[in-house]
Amino acid sequence: MQALPEAELVKENRIRRIDKVLGRYYLKCDKNDCFRDWAKSLVRNRMREEFEAAQALKAAGIPVVRHVAWGRENNRTYLRSASV
């Protein structure tokens, strides 16, 4: 995964990378680099699940980190959340 020039790496492992962008947002990326991970992501999209779970908690009146958006590009899925 190509790093963003205005991003600071927070955490990275084989599956996921988290960057702090412009000091205001976190961008979480599921890499899905191997075929098995990519195929699993078609059935179970963790970024979408996390986004939807946060929306449900917020609707129930439970305070959560503000999740701004999630998306997919090729074999990667992304979740953008606001910095606290």
Protein backbone atom coordinates (compact mmCIF):
# COMPACT_ATOMS: atom_id res chain seq x y z
CA MET A 1 0.00 0.00 0.00
CA GLN A 2 1.31 3.42 -0.96
CA ALA A 3 1.55 5.82 1.99
CA LEU A 4 -0.13 9.20 1.72
CA PRO A 5 2.39 12.07 1.90
CA GLU A 6 0.31 13.92 4.53
CA ALA A 7 -0.29 10.77 6.62
CA GLU A 8 1.47 9.43 9.70
CA LEU A 9 1.63 5.67 10.09
CA VAL A 10 -0.02 4.59 13.34
CA LYS A 11 -0.06 0.80 12.99
CA GLU A 12 0.54 -1.79 10.29
CA ASN A 13 0.45 -5.55 10.03
CA ARG A 14 -0.06 -8.10 7.26
CA ILE A 15 -3.81 -7.50 7.12
CA ARG A 16 -4.39 -3.88 8.10
CA ARG A 17 -2.82 -0.44 8.05
CA ILE A 18 -3.92 2.63 10.03
CA ASP A 19 -2.77 6.15 9.15
CA LYS A 20 -3.49 9.47 10.82
CA VAL A 21 -4.24 11.92 8.01
CA LEU A 22 -3.71 15.67 8.43
CA GLY A 23 -3.90 15.17 12.21
CA ARG A 24 -7.71 15.11 11.97
CA TYR A 25 -8.73 11.70 10.63
CA TYR A 26 -7.75 8.07 10.85
CA LEU A 27 -7.79 5.99 7.69
CA LYS A 28 -7.98 2.26 8.32
CA CYS A 29 -7.28 -0.02 5.36
CA ASP A 30 -7.86 -3.77 5.08
CA LYS A 31 -5.27 -4.84 2.52
CA ASN A 32 -6.70 -8.18 1.29
CA ASP A 33 -3.50 -8.82 -0.66
CA CYS A 34 -3.83 -12.57 -1.01
CA PHE A 35 -6.67 -14.28 -2.87
CA ARG A 36 -8.07 -15.88 0.28
CA ASP A 37 -8.35 -12.52 2.12
CA TRP A 38 -9.86 -10.84 -0.93
CA ALA A 39 -12.46 -13.60 -1.38
CA LYS A 40 -13.39 -13.41 2.31
CA SER A 41 -13.80 -9.64 2.04
CA LEU A 42 -16.43 -10.12 -0.67
CA VAL A 43 -18.57 -12.04 1.82
CA ARG A 44 -17.64 -10.22 5.04
CA ASN A 45 -16.57 -6.61 4.71
CA ARG A 46 -15.09 -5.63 8.07
CA MET A 47 -14.91 -1.92 7.30
CA ARG A 48 -18.60 -1.79 6.35
CA GLU A 49 -19.52 -3.84 9.44
CA GLU A 50 -17.57 -1.51 11.73
CA PHE A 51 -19.16 1.56 10.10
CA GLU A 52 -22.69 0.14 10.40
CA ALA A 53 -22.12 -1.00 14.00
CA ALA A 54 -20.98 2.51 14.96
CA GLN A 55 -24.06 4.02 13.30
CA ALA A 56 -26.34 1.61 15.21
CA LEU A 57 -24.64 2.41 18.53
CA LYS A 58 -24.93 6.13 17.85
CA ALA A 59 -28.64 5.74 17.02
CA ALA A 60 -29.09 3.94 20.36
CA GLY A 61 -27.56 6.93 22.15
CA ILE A 62 -24.22 5.30 22.91
CA PRO A 63 -21.25 7.62 22.34
CA VAL A 64 -18.85 6.36 19.67
CA VAL A 65 -16.00 7.68 17.57
CA ARG A 66 -17.42 9.50 14.54
CA HIS A 67 -17.06 7.29 11.50
CA VAL A 68 -17.11 9.48 8.41
CA ALA A 69 -17.18 6.98 5.54
CA TRP A 70 -16.18 3.54 4.32
CA GLY A 71 -15.33 2.44 0.81
CA ARG A 72 -13.77 -0.18 -1.43
CA GLU A 73 -11.14 0.16 -4.13
CA ASN A 74 -10.01 -2.98 -5.96
CA ASN A 75 -8.83 -5.44 -3.29
CA ARG A 76 -8.77 -2.92 -0.41
CA THR A 77 -11.48 -1.60 1.89
CA TYR A 78 -11.23 1.62 3.87
CA LEU A 79 -12.80 3.22 6.93
CA ARG A 80 -12.34 6.89 7.74
CA SER A 81 -12.99 8.10 11.27
CA ALA A 82 -12.52 11.44 13.01
CA SER A 83 -9.71 11.92 15.49
CA VAL A 84 -10.85 12.40 19.09
